[in-house]
C-alpha atoms as a PDB file:
ATOM      1  CA  UNK A   1      27.635  11.733 122.901  1.00  0.00           C
ATOM      2  CA  UNK A   2      27.170   8.030 122.164  1.00  0.00           C
ATOM      3  CA  UNK A   3      27.476   5.703 125.117  1.00  0.00           C
ATOM      4  CA  UNK A   4      28.647   2.911 122.811  1.00  0.00           C
ATOM      5  CA  UNK A   5      32.102   3.525 124.230  1.00  0.00           C
ATOM      6  CA  UNK A   6      32.698   2.895 127.871  1.00  0.00           C
ATOM      7  CA  UNK A   7      31.262   5.881 128.618  1.00  0.00           C
ATOM      8  CA  UNK A   8      40.945  14.333 143.972  1.00  0.00           C
ATOM      9  CA  UNK A   9      41.313  12.392 146.737  1.00  0.00           C
ATOM     10  CA  UNK A  10      40.945   8.676 146.730  1.00  0.00           C
ATOM     11  CA  UNK A  11      38.405   6.908 148.881  1.00  0.00           C
ATOM     12  CA  UNK A  12      39.628   4.933 151.859  1.00  0.00           C
ATOM     13  CA  UNK A  13      41.968   2.344 150.307  1.00  0.00           C
ATOM     14  CA  UNK A  14      39.969  -0.735 151.165  1.00  0.00           C
ATOM     15  CA  UNK A  15      42.114  -2.615 148.667  1.00  0.00           C
ATOM     16  CA  UNK A  16      44.474  -3.215 151.557  1.00  0.00           C
ATOM     17  CA  UNK A  17      41.914  -5.125 153.555  1.00  0.00           C
ATOM     18  CA  UNK A  18      42.572  -8.833 154.075  1.00  0.00           C
ATOM     19  CA  UNK A  19      41.517 -10.688 150.888  1.00  0.00           C
ATOM     20  CA  UNK A  20      38.500 -12.935 150.876  1.00  0.00           C
ATOM     21  CA  UNK A  21      38.824 -16.396 152.255  1.00  0.00           C
ATOM     22  CA  UNK A  22      39.156 -18.963 149.537  1.00  0.00           C
ATOM     23  CA  UNK A  23      35.498 -19.890 149.398  1.00  0.00           C
ATOM     24  CA  UNK A  24      34.330 -20.573 145.877  1.00  0.00           C
ATOM     25  CA  UNK A  25      31.200 -19.354 144.167  1.00  0.00           C
ATOM     26  CA  UNK A  26      29.028 -20.239 141.253  1.00  0.00           C
ATOM     27  CA  UNK A  27      27.935 -18.010 138.407  1.00  0.00           C
ATOM     28  CA  UNK A  28      24.405 -18.832 139.421  1.00  0.00           C
ATOM     29  CA  UNK A  29      22.063 -21.705 140.011  1.00  0.00           C
ATOM     30  CA  UNK A  30      23.550 -24.717 138.321  1.00  0.00           C
ATOM     31  CA  UNK A  31      26.488 -22.643 137.015  1.00  0.00           C
ATOM     32  CA  UNK A  32      30.147 -23.499 136.795  1.00  0.00           C
ATOM     33  CA  UNK A  33      32.574 -23.437 139.662  1.00  0.00           C
ATOM     34  CA  UNK A  34      30.154 -23.793 142.577  1.00  0.00           C
ATOM     35  CA  UNK A  35      31.321 -25.518 145.720  1.00  0.00           C
ATOM     36  CA  UNK A  36      29.465 -28.436 147.216  1.00  0.00           C
ATOM     37  CA  UNK A  37      29.257 -26.624 150.576  1.00  0.00           C
ATOM     38  CA  UNK A  38      27.499 -23.279 150.550  1.00  0.00           C
ATOM     39  CA  UNK A  39      29.541 -20.284 151.726  1.00  0.00           C
ATOM     40  CA  UNK A  40      28.151 -18.294 154.680  1.00  0.00           C
ATOM     41  CA  UNK A  41      25.274 -16.088 153.544  1.00  0.00           C
ATOM     42  CA  UNK A  42      24.632 -18.100 150.399  1.00  0.00           C
ATOM     43  CA  UNK A  43      22.721 -18.923 148.301  1.00  0.00           C
ATOM     44  CA  UNK A  44      21.968 -15.276 147.509  1.00  0.00           C
ATOM     45  CA  UNK A  45      19.359 -14.261 144.945  1.00  0.00           C
ATOM     46  CA  UNK A  46      19.250 -10.734 143.539  1.00  0.00           C
ATOM     47  CA  UNK A  47      17.384  -9.068 140.688  1.00  0.00           C
ATOM     48  CA  UNK A  48      19.459  -6.532 138.767  1.00  0.00           C
ATOM     49  CA  UNK A  49      18.126  -4.556 135.821  1.00  0.00           C
ATOM     50  CA  UNK A  50      15.434  -7.151 135.211  1.00  0.00           C
ATOM     51  CA  UNK A  51      17.747 -10.159 135.449  1.00  0.00           C
ATOM     52  CA  UNK A  52      17.437 -12.470 138.451  1.00  0.00           C
ATOM     53  CA  UNK A  53      20.544 -14.415 139.476  1.00  0.00           C
ATOM     54  CA  UNK A  54      21.179 -16.897 142.260  1.00  0.00           C
ATOM     55  CA  UNK A  55      24.707 -17.151 143.635  1.00  0.00           C
ATOM     56  CA  UNK A  56      25.604 -20.344 145.483  1.00  0.00           C
ATOM     57  CA  UNK A  57      28.833 -18.690 146.586  1.00  0.00           C
ATOM     58  CA  UNK A  58      30.949 -15.613 145.783  1.00  0.00           C
ATOM     59  CA  UNK A  59      32.281 -15.326 142.220  1.00  0.00           C
ATOM     60  CA  UNK A  60      35.878 -16.445 141.883  1.00  0.00           C
ATOM     61  CA  UNK A  61      36.567 -15.405 138.265  1.00  0.00           C
ATOM     62  CA  UNK A  62      35.082 -11.995 137.575  1.00  0.00           C
ATOM     63  CA  UNK A  63      35.564  -9.875 134.482  1.00  0.00           C
ATOM     64  CA  UNK A  64      34.959  -6.131 134.863  1.00  0.00           C
ATOM     65  CA  UNK A  65      34.089  -3.923 131.921  1.00  0.00           C
ATOM     66  CA  UNK A  66      34.204  -0.112 132.314  1.00  0.00           C
ATOM     67  CA  UNK A  67      36.249   1.776 134.832  1.00  0.00           C
ATOM     68  CA  UNK A  68      33.671   2.262 137.560  1.00  0.00           C
ATOM     69  CA  UNK A  69      32.952  -1.479 137.654  1.00  0.00           C
ATOM     70  CA  UNK A  70      36.652  -2.271 137.969  1.00  0.00           C
ATOM     71  CA  UNK A  71      37.285   0.359 140.622  1.00  0.00           C
ATOM     72  CA  UNK A  72      34.366  -0.776 142.768  1.00  0.00           C
ATOM     73  CA  UNK A  73      35.743  -4.302 143.001  1.00  0.00           C
ATOM     74  CA  UNK A  74      39.193  -2.901 143.768  1.00  0.00           C
ATOM     75  CA  UNK A  75      37.709  -0.659 146.466  1.00  0.00           C
ATOM     76  CA  UNK A  76      36.185  -3.766 148.034  1.00  0.00           C
ATOM     77  CA  UNK A  77      39.554  -5.513 148.070  1.00  0.00           C
ATOM     78  CA  UNK A  78      38.553  -8.055 145.435  1.00  0.00           C
ATOM     79  CA  UNK A  79      41.467  -7.834 143.009  1.00  0.00           C
ATOM     80  CA  UNK A  80      42.198 -11.517 143.646  1.00  0.00           C
ATOM     81  CA  UNK A  81      38.773 -12.330 142.169  1.00  0.00           C
ATOM     82  CA  UNK A  82      39.245 -10.390 138.905  1.00  0.00           C
ATOM     83  CA  UNK A  83      40.539 -12.503 136.013  1.00  0.00           C
ATOM     84  CA  UNK A  84      40.194  -9.713 133.454  1.00  0.00           C
ATOM     85  CA  UNK A  85      39.240  -6.078 132.997  1.00  0.00           C
ATOM     86  CA  UNK A  86      38.516  -3.816 130.064  1.00  0.00           C
ATOM     87  CA  UNK A  87      37.766  -0.249 128.990  1.00  0.00           C
ATOM     88  CA  UNK A  88      39.206   2.521 131.138  1.00  0.00           C
ATOM     89  CA  UNK A  89      38.336   6.171 130.489  1.00  0.00           C
ATOM     90  CA  UNK A  90      41.387   7.482 132.359  1.00  0.00           C
ATOM     91  CA  UNK A  91      43.965   6.449 134.947  1.00  0.00           C
ATOM     92  CA  UNK A  92      42.910   4.236 137.823  1.00  0.00           C
ATOM     93  CA  UNK A  93      42.877   6.042 141.168  1.00  0.00           C
ATOM     94  CA  UNK A  94      46.338   5.998 142.804  1.00  0.00           C
ATOM     95  CA  UNK A  95      45.086   4.085 145.857  1.00  0.00           C
ATOM     96  CA  UNK A  96      43.971   1.228 143.586  1.00  0.00           C
ATOM     97  CA  UNK A  97      46.876   1.241 141.145  1.00  0.00           C
ATOM     98  CA  UNK A  98      49.009  -1.445 142.848  1.00  0.00           C
ATOM     99  CA  UNK A  99      46.004  -3.789 142.966  1.00  0.00           C
ATOM    100  CA  UNK A 100      44.964  -2.931 139.389  1.00  0.00           C
ATOM    101  CA  UNK A 101      48.448  -3.721 138.121  1.00  0.00           C
ATOM    102  CA  UNK A 102      47.914  -7.341 139.185  1.00  0.00           C
ATOM    103  CA  UNK A 103      44.796  -7.637 136.992  1.00  0.00           C
ATOM    104  CA  UNK A 104      44.963  -8.834 133.394  1.00  0.00           C
ATOM    105  CA  UNK A 105      43.671  -6.331 130.818  1.00  0.00           C
ATOM    106  CA  UNK A 106      41.620  -8.205 128.227  1.00  0.00           C
ATOM    107  CA  UNK A 107      41.163  -5.315 125.803  1.00  0.00           C
ATOM    108  CA  UNK A 108      41.701  -1.563 125.540  1.00  0.00           C
ATOM    109  CA  UNK A 109      37.984  -1.207 124.859  1.00  0.00           C
ATOM    110  CA  UNK A 110      35.431  -4.030 124.978  1.00  0.00           C
ATOM    111  CA  UNK A 111      36.747  -7.558 124.462  1.00  0.00           C
ATOM    112  CA  UNK A 112      35.380  -9.769 121.734  1.00  0.00           C
ATOM    113  CA  UNK A 113      33.057 -12.578 122.760  1.00  0.00           C
ATOM    114  CA  UNK A 114      35.882 -15.059 122.183  1.00  0.00           C
ATOM    115  CA  UNK A 115      38.305 -13.096 124.385  1.00  0.00           C
ATOM    116  CA  UNK A 116      35.698 -12.662 127.097  1.00  0.00           C
ATOM    117  CA  UNK A 117      34.789 -16.352 127.196  1.00  0.00           C
ATOM    118  CA  UNK A 118      38.474 -17.251 126.943  1.00  0.00           C
ATOM    119  CA  UNK A 119      38.986 -15.703 130.390  1.00  0.00           C
ATOM    120  CA  UNK A 120      36.605 -18.389 131.722  1.00  0.00           C
ATOM    121  CA  UNK A 121      34.612 -15.982 133.908  1.00  0.00           C
ATOM    122  CA  UNK A 122      31.864 -16.973 136.310  1.00  0.00           C
ATOM    123  CA  UNK A 123      30.694 -13.342 136.592  1.00  0.00           C
ATOM    124  CA  UNK A 124      30.775 -10.323 134.261  1.00  0.00           C
ATOM    125  CA  UNK A 125      30.231  -6.836 135.687  1.00  0.00           C
ATOM    126  CA  UNK A 126      29.460  -3.998 133.265  1.00  0.00           C
ATOM    127  CA  UNK A 127      29.416  -0.310 134.069  1.00  0.00           C
ATOM    128  CA  UNK A 128      27.490   0.775 130.955  1.00  0.00           C
ATOM    129  CA  UNK A 129      24.740  -1.011 129.051  1.00  0.00           C
ATOM    130  CA  UNK A 130      27.072  -1.111 126.033  1.00  0.00           C
ATOM    131  CA  UNK A 131      29.136  -3.694 127.920  1.00  0.00           C
ATOM    132  CA  UNK A 132      26.393  -6.213 127.137  1.00  0.00           C
ATOM    133  CA  UNK A 133      25.974  -5.510 123.429  1.00  0.00           C
ATOM    134  CA  UNK A 134      23.954  -8.350 121.908  1.00  0.00           C
ATOM    135  CA  UNK A 135      25.304  -7.683 118.418  1.00  0.00           C
ATOM    136  CA  UNK A 136      28.794  -8.375 119.776  1.00  0.00           C
ATOM    137  CA  UNK A 137      27.679 -11.565 121.499  1.00  0.00           C
ATOM    138  CA  UNK A 138      28.048 -10.198 125.018  1.00  0.00           C
ATOM    139  CA  UNK A 139      24.356  -9.981 125.983  1.00  0.00           C
ATOM    140  CA  UNK A 140      23.388 -11.086 129.467  1.00  0.00           C
ATOM    141  CA  UNK A 141      21.008 -13.781 128.253  1.00  0.00           C
ATOM    142  CA  UNK A 142      23.749 -15.295 126.132  1.00  0.00           C
ATOM    143  CA  UNK A 143      26.193 -15.220 129.017  1.00  0.00           C
ATOM    144  CA  UNK A 144      23.621 -16.939 131.235  1.00  0.00           C
ATOM    145  CA  UNK A 145      23.293 -19.730 128.690  1.00  0.00           C
ATOM    146  CA  UNK A 146      27.038 -20.219 129.072  1.00  0.00           C
ATOM    147  CA  UNK A 147      26.607 -20.476 132.853  1.00  0.00           C
ATOM    148  CA  UNK A 148      27.935 -16.981 133.527  1.00  0.00           C
ATOM    149  CA  UNK A 149      26.186 -14.551 135.837  1.00  0.00           C
ATOM    150  CA  UNK A 150      26.313 -10.832 135.135  1.00  0.00           C
ATOM    151  CA  UNK A 151      25.515  -7.436 136.576  1.00  0.00           C
ATOM    152  CA  UNK A 152      24.863  -4.007 135.055  1.00  0.00           C
ATOM    153  CA  UNK A 153      25.437  -0.825 137.045  1.00  0.00           C
ATOM    154  CA  UNK A 154      22.002   0.334 138.222  1.00  0.00           C
ATOM    155  CA  UNK A 155      22.497   3.849 136.845  1.00  0.00           C
ATOM    156  CA  UNK A 156      21.439   2.433 133.485  1.00  0.00           C
ATOM    157  CA  UNK A 157      18.216   0.767 134.598  1.00  0.00           C
ATOM    158  CA  UNK A 158      16.897   2.988 137.389  1.00  0.00           C
ATOM    159  CA  UNK A 159      13.372   4.299 136.926  1.00  0.00           C
ATOM    160  CA  UNK A 160      13.583   7.953 137.900  1.00  0.00           C
ATOM    161  CA  UNK A 161      16.520  10.112 138.952  1.00  0.00           C
ATOM    162  CA  UNK A 162      19.681   8.432 140.205  1.00  0.00           C
ATOM    163  CA  UNK A 163      20.556   9.530 143.734  1.00  0.00           C
ATOM    164  CA  UNK A 164      22.823   8.377 146.552  1.00  0.00           C
ATOM    165  CA  UNK A 165      20.316   5.623 147.301  1.00  0.00           C
ATOM    166  CA  UNK A 166      21.311   3.955 144.028  1.00  0.00           C
ATOM    167  CA  UNK A 167      24.989   4.275 144.907  1.00  0.00           C
ATOM    168  CA  UNK A 168      24.264   2.522 148.197  1.00  0.00           C
ATOM    169  CA  UNK A 169      22.328  -0.179 146.346  1.00  0.00           C
ATOM    170  CA  UNK A 170      25.159  -0.742 143.889  1.00  0.00           C
ATOM    171  CA  UNK A 171      27.836  -1.040 146.556  1.00  0.00           C
ATOM    172  CA  UNK A 172      25.654  -3.102 148.904  1.00  0.00           C
ATOM    173  CA  UNK A 173      24.576  -5.645 146.289  1.00  0.00           C
ATOM    174  CA  UNK A 174      28.027  -6.056 144.750  1.00  0.00           C
ATOM    175  CA  UNK A 175      29.589  -6.510 148.190  1.00  0.00           C
ATOM    176  CA  UNK A 176      26.859  -9.019 149.056  1.00  0.00           C
ATOM    177  CA  UNK A 177      27.426 -10.974 145.842  1.00  0.00           C
ATOM    178  CA  UNK A 178      31.105 -11.347 146.748  1.00  0.00           C
ATOM    179  CA  UNK A 179      30.400 -12.244 150.365  1.00  0.00           C
ATOM    180  CA  UNK A 180      31.968  -9.090 151.854  1.00  0.00           C
ATOM    181  CA  UNK A 181      28.953  -7.052 153.051  1.00  0.00           C
ATOM    182  CA  UNK A 182      30.948  -5.434 155.847  1.00  0.00           C
ATOM    183  CA  UNK A 183      33.381  -3.937 153.330  1.00  0.00           C
ATOM    184  CA  UNK A 184      30.468  -2.510 151.388  1.00  0.00           C
ATOM    185  CA  UNK A 185      29.056  -0.937 154.546  1.00  0.00           C
ATOM    186  CA  UNK A 186      32.437   0.651 155.341  1.00  0.00           C
ATOM    187  CA  UNK A 187      32.720   2.061 151.836  1.00  0.00           C
ATOM    188  CA  UNK A 188      29.192   3.495 151.917  1.00  0.00           C
ATOM    189  CA  UNK A 189      29.820   5.109 155.299  1.00  0.00           C
ATOM    190  CA  UNK A 190      33.009   6.746 154.042  1.00  0.00           C
ATOM    191  CA  UNK A 191      31.345   8.060 150.876  1.00  0.00           C
ATOM    192  CA  UNK A 192      28.452   9.485 152.904  1.00  0.00           C
ATOM    193  CA  UNK A 193      30.743  11.099 155.480  1.00  0.00           C
ATOM    194  CA  UNK A 194      32.763  12.901 152.830  1.00  0.00           C
ATOM    195  CA  UNK A 195      29.701  14.031 150.895  1.00  0.00           C
ATOM    196  CA  UNK A 196      28.013  15.302 154.055  1.00  0.00           C
ATOM    197  CA  UNK A 197      31.083  17.406 154.849  1.00  0.00           C
ATOM    198  CA  UNK A 198      30.775  19.152 151.468  1.00  0.00           C
ATOM    199  CA  UNK A 199      27.029  19.717 151.606  1.00  0.00           C
ATOM    200  CA  UNK A 200      27.417  21.248 155.070  1.00  0.00           C
ATOM    201  CA  UNK A 201      30.065  23.688 153.815  1.00  0.00           C
ATOM    202  CA  UNK A 202      28.071  24.855 150.781  1.00  0.00           C
ATOM    203  CA  UNK A 203      24.508  24.783 152.124  1.00  0.00           C
ATOM    204  CA  UNK A 204      24.233  28.558 152.626  1.00  0.00           C
ATOM    205  CA  UNK A 205      26.135  29.548 149.486  1.00  0.00           C
ATOM    206  CA  UNK A 206      24.541  30.864 146.260  1.00  0.00           C
ATOM    207  CA  UNK A 207      23.977  27.996 143.823  1.00  0.00           C
ATOM    208  CA  UNK A 208      25.452  28.855 140.404  1.00  0.00           C
ATOM    209  CA  UNK A 209      23.697  27.636 137.259  1.00  0.00           C
ATOM    210  CA  UNK A 210      25.877  24.889 135.743  1.00  0.00           C
ATOM    211  CA  UNK A 211      25.964  23.651 132.148  1.00  0.00           C
ATOM    212  CA  UNK A 212      27.672  20.268 131.826  1.00  0.00           C
ATOM    213  CA  UNK A 213      29.599  20.053 128.559  1.00  0.00           C
ATOM    214  CA  UNK A 214      30.416  16.457 127.741  1.00  0.00           C
ATOM    215  CA  UNK A 215      31.079  16.805 124.024  1.00  0.00           C
ATOM    216  CA  UNK A 216      29.551  17.943 120.759  1.00  0.00           C
ATOM    217  CA  UNK A 217      29.792  20.546 118.032  1.00  0.00           C
ATOM    218  CA  UNK A 218      26.529  20.812 116.079  1.00  0.00           C
ATOM    219  CA  UNK A 219      24.723  20.069 119.342  1.00  0.00           C
ATOM    220  CA  UNK A 220      25.910  19.694 122.914  1.00  0.00           C
ATOM    221  CA  UNK A 221      25.915  16.431 124.813  1.00  0.00           C
ATOM    222  CA  UNK A 222      25.111  17.276 128.398  1.00  0.00           C
ATOM    223  CA  UNK A 223      24.216  15.693 131.708  1.00  0.00           C
ATOM    224  CA  UNK A 224      20.479  15.375 132.222  1.00  0.00           C
ATOM    225  CA  UNK A 225      18.540  14.917 135.423  1.00  0.00           C
ATOM    226  CA  UNK A 226      18.416  11.136 135.260  1.00  0.00           C
ATOM    227  CA  UNK A 227      22.006  10.276 136.175  1.00  0.00           C
ATOM    228  CA  UNK A 228      24.304  10.640 139.140  1.00  0.00           C
ATOM    229  CA  UNK A 229      26.016  13.552 137.359  1.00  0.00           C
ATOM    230  CA  UNK A 230      23.015  15.744 138.118  1.00  0.00           C
ATOM    231  CA  UNK A 231      23.117  14.712 141.775  1.00  0.00           C
ATOM    232  CA  UNK A 232      26.836  15.490 141.962  1.00  0.00           C
ATOM    233  CA  UNK A 233      26.195  19.043 140.756  1.00  0.00           C
ATOM    234  CA  UNK A 234      23.429  19.470 143.332  1.00  0.00           C
ATOM    235  CA  UNK A 235      25.455  18.063 146.237  1.00  0.00           C
ATOM    236  CA  UNK A 236      28.398  20.276 145.266  1.00  0.00           C
ATOM    237  CA  UNK A 237      26.327  23.424 145.593  1.00  0.00           C
ATOM    238  CA  UNK A 238      25.281  24.054 141.995  1.00  0.00           C
ATOM    239  CA  UNK A 239      22.149  23.774 139.850  1.00  0.00           C
ATOM    240  CA  UNK A 240      22.177  21.793 136.608  1.00  0.00           C
ATOM    241  CA  UNK A 241      20.518  23.952 133.926  1.00  0.00           C
ATOM    242  CA  UNK A 242      19.395  20.798 132.075  1.00  0.00           C
ATOM    243  CA  UNK A 243      18.069  18.886 135.072  1.00  0.00           C
ATOM    244  CA  UNK A 244      14.714  18.713 133.274  1.00  0.00           C
ATOM    245  CA  UNK A 245      16.176  16.229 130.768  1.00  0.00           C
ATOM    246  CA  UNK A 246      15.089  12.808 131.987  1.00  0.00           C
ATOM    247  CA  UNK A 247      18.033  10.844 130.633  1.00  0.00           C
ATOM    248  CA  UNK A 248      21.503  10.411 132.118  1.00  0.00           C
ATOM    249  CA  UNK A 249      22.919  12.120 129.022  1.00  0.00           C
ATOM    250  CA  UNK A 250      21.146  14.032 126.289  1.00  0.00           C
ATOM    251  CA  UNK A 251      21.795  16.243 123.270  1.00  0.00           C
ATOM    252  CA  UNK A 252      20.611  19.853 123.401  1.00  0.00           C
ATOM    253  CA  UNK A 253      20.803  22.722 120.948  1.00  0.00           C
ATOM    254  CA  UNK A 254      23.195  25.584 121.510  1.00  0.00           C
ATOM    255  CA  UNK A 255      20.174  27.881 121.399  1.00  0.00           C
ATOM    256  CA  UNK A 256      18.922  26.144 124.545  1.00  0.00           C
ATOM    257  CA  UNK A 257      22.300  26.615 126.201  1.00  0.00           C
ATOM    258  CA  UNK A 258      22.164  30.340 125.396  1.00  0.00           C
ATOM    259  CA  UNK A 259      18.607  30.637 126.699  1.00  0.00           C
ATOM    260  CA  UNK A 260      19.482  29.071 130.045  1.00  0.00           C
ATOM    261  CA  UNK A 261      22.423  31.401 130.676  1.00  0.00           C
ATOM    262  CA  UNK A 262      24.679  29.140 132.728  1.00  0.00           C
ATOM    263  CA  UNK A 263      27.108  30.827 135.070  1.00  0.00           C
ATOM    264  CA  UNK A 264      29.561  27.906 135.074  1.00  0.00           C
ATOM    265  CA  UNK A 265      30.534  25.302 132.469  1.00  0.00           C
ATOM    266  CA  UNK A 266      31.464  21.901 133.872  1.00  0.00           C
ATOM    267  CA  UNK A 267      33.636  20.062 131.338  1.00  0.00           C
ATOM    268  CA  UNK A 268      33.883  16.286 131.426  1.00  0.00           C
ATOM    269  CA  UNK A 269      37.454  15.271 130.729  1.00  0.00           C
ATOM    270  CA  UNK A 270      38.050  12.047 128.769  1.00  0.00           C
ATOM    271  CA  UNK A 271      38.997  10.648 125.396  1.00  0.00           C
ATOM    272  CA  UNK A 272      40.844  12.312 122.561  1.00  0.00           C
ATOM    273  CA  UNK A 273      39.411  15.824 122.907  1.00  0.00           C
ATOM    274  CA  UNK A 274      41.276  17.760 125.563  1.00  0.00           C
ATOM    275  CA  UNK A 275      39.723  20.063 128.126  1.00  0.00           C
ATOM    276  CA  UNK A 276      41.505  22.987 126.481  1.00  0.00           C
ATOM    277  CA  UNK A 277      40.038  22.085 123.086  1.00  0.00           C
ATOM    278  CA  UNK A 278      36.549  22.004 124.601  1.00  0.00           C
ATOM    279  CA  UNK A 279      37.114  25.391 126.208  1.00  0.00           C
ATOM    280  CA  UNK A 280      38.254  26.868 122.917  1.00  0.00           C
ATOM    281  CA  UNK A 281      35.207  25.476 121.112  1.00  0.00           C
ATOM    282  CA  UNK A 282      33.017  27.450 123.526  1.00  0.00           C
ATOM    283  CA  UNK A 283      35.165  30.577 123.617  1.00  0.00           C
ATOM    284  CA  UNK A 284      35.460  30.760 119.822  1.00  0.00           C
ATOM    285  CA  UNK A 285      31.722  30.497 119.151  1.00  0.00           C
ATOM    286  CA  UNK A 286      30.378  34.047 118.686  1.00  0.00           C
ATOM    287  CA  UNK A 287      26.865  32.871 119.511  1.00  0.00           C
ATOM    288  CA  UNK A 288      28.016  31.949 123.020  1.00  0.00           C
ATOM    289  CA  UNK A 289      29.857  35.184 123.734  1.00  0.00           C
ATOM    290  CA  UNK A 290      27.020  36.543 125.878  1.00  0.00           C
ATOM    291  CA  UNK A 291      26.608  33.407 127.985  1.00  0.00           C
ATOM    292  CA  UNK A 292      27.807  34.398 131.484  1.00  0.00           C
ATOM    293  CA  UNK A 293      29.980  31.305 131.969  1.00  0.00           C
ATOM    294  CA  UNK A 294      31.737  31.821 128.627  1.00  0.00           C
ATOM    295  CA  UNK A 295      31.981  35.588 128.955  1.00  0.00           C
ATOM    296  CA  UNK A 296      33.554  35.245 132.401  1.00  0.00           C
ATOM    297  CA  UNK A 297      35.622  32.204 131.418  1.00  0.00           C
ATOM    298  CA  UNK A 298      34.319  30.259 134.360  1.00  0.00           C
ATOM    299  CA  UNK A 299      35.125  26.641 133.625  1.00  0.00           C
ATOM    300  CA  UNK A 300      35.373  23.718 136.039  1.00  0.00           C
ATOM    301  CA  UNK A 301      36.450  20.159 135.246  1.00  0.00           C
ATOM    302  CA  UNK A 302      35.710  16.592 136.320  1.00  0.00           C
ATOM    303  CA  UNK A 303      37.013  13.379 134.769  1.00  0.00           C
ATOM    304  CA  UNK A 304      34.157  11.418 133.209  1.00  0.00           C
ATOM    305  CA  UNK A 305      35.000   8.464 135.440  1.00  0.00           C
ATOM    306  CA  UNK A 306      34.067  10.622 138.453  1.00  0.00           C
ATOM    307  CA  UNK A 307      30.658  11.524 137.040  1.00  0.00           C
ATOM    308  CA  UNK A 308      29.205   8.021 136.912  1.00  0.00           C
ATOM    309  CA  UNK A 309      27.752   5.781 139.630  1.00  0.00           C
ATOM    310  CA  UNK A 310      30.773   4.359 141.378  1.00  0.00           C
ATOM    311  CA  UNK A 311      33.304   4.840 144.124  1.00  0.00           C
ATOM    312  CA  UNK A 312      34.364   8.262 142.802  1.00  0.00           C
ATOM    313  CA  UNK A 313      31.105  10.014 143.677  1.00  0.00           C
ATOM    314  CA  UNK A 314      32.550  11.436 146.894  1.00  0.00           C
ATOM    315  CA  UNK A 315      35.699  12.451 145.000  1.00  0.00           C
ATOM    316  CA  UNK A 316      33.559  14.275 142.464  1.00  0.00           C
ATOM    317  CA  UNK A 317      31.486  16.098 145.080  1.00  0.00           C
ATOM    318  CA  UNK A 318      34.614  17.180 146.945  1.00  0.00           C
ATOM    319  CA  UNK A 319      36.371  18.366 143.791  1.00  0.00           C
ATOM    320  CA  UNK A 320      33.391  20.151 142.270  1.00  0.00           C
ATOM    321  CA  UNK A 321      32.451  21.669 145.621  1.00  0.00           C
ATOM    322  CA  UNK A 322      35.922  23.237 145.846  1.00  0.00           C
ATOM    323  CA  UNK A 323      35.734  24.512 142.275  1.00  0.00           C
ATOM    324  CA  UNK A 324      32.238  26.002 142.577  1.00  0.00           C
ATOM    325  CA  UNK A 325      32.834  27.428 146.058  1.00  0.00           C
ATOM    326  CA  UNK A 326      36.590  27.950 146.490  1.00  0.00           C
ATOM    327  CA  UNK A 327      36.007  30.059 149.591  1.00  0.00           C
ATOM    328  CA  UNK A 328      34.717  26.962 151.422  1.00  0.00           C
ATOM    329  CA  UNK A 329      37.679  24.698 150.616  1.00  0.00           C
END
């Protein structure tokens, strides 16, 4: 599946924490909107996906692109700092919905360069690398020339497999950028507590072989070993049959799926193709009839927005853990 498009129980609703004090922030060294007096803890310099930015104070006018970027800022109680958002894969978590409803939606998918700049942001936060498409005029270098700092979710620039360490990095650095490190620490602690509870319950259980079915007909788009999706399967008590793929997502042949004999199919739910349609594509393929997961009709489901590096990781581990090991729920 192309990543050119943006792409349970809610985490502790930190959106109800007291909003940030009205201390301004720049989009970077010499950028717009910086206060003459530095905010506590600033200036702050961070290197993200090869781009180094210096913040003289917390961003005041952030634009979030992709659901997991938007939800992370909402989880940190920063809805008052978001001047625009774009590109959801599904509904915002219920705990964040009241805060999200106060945020302006710039575009159903990615905004044009003109729309993005029209929001007058001092910071742009993208969940997928496609958020910063140079051909569309949204590249990070171009934004920097306009005095706008940016950040890309580290899942798309991590060298090696993405684990919980990268989730902690993402939350910690974003919270630090906005001057609310204590909120980031609380969120990390809650995610870890919930994940630990699942891994404890499933640690002695058999680990079924899981094939992640994202999309595809001639070939299958699946979750490789490079992304947080692989880690979610592992933490939930399963084994990803395509963990040897280095990328976050990859295309594999159906022959490979048959060879690896998955016991469970994990379907990612999003977009215009329903979960039921994906099930029927597998069930109606005679070549897959002997695959244990298909033969036994053992399907489990996660929304795509829960299978990326963001505040839904604990949600995903809890949900998938229950589905793979219902006797431990």
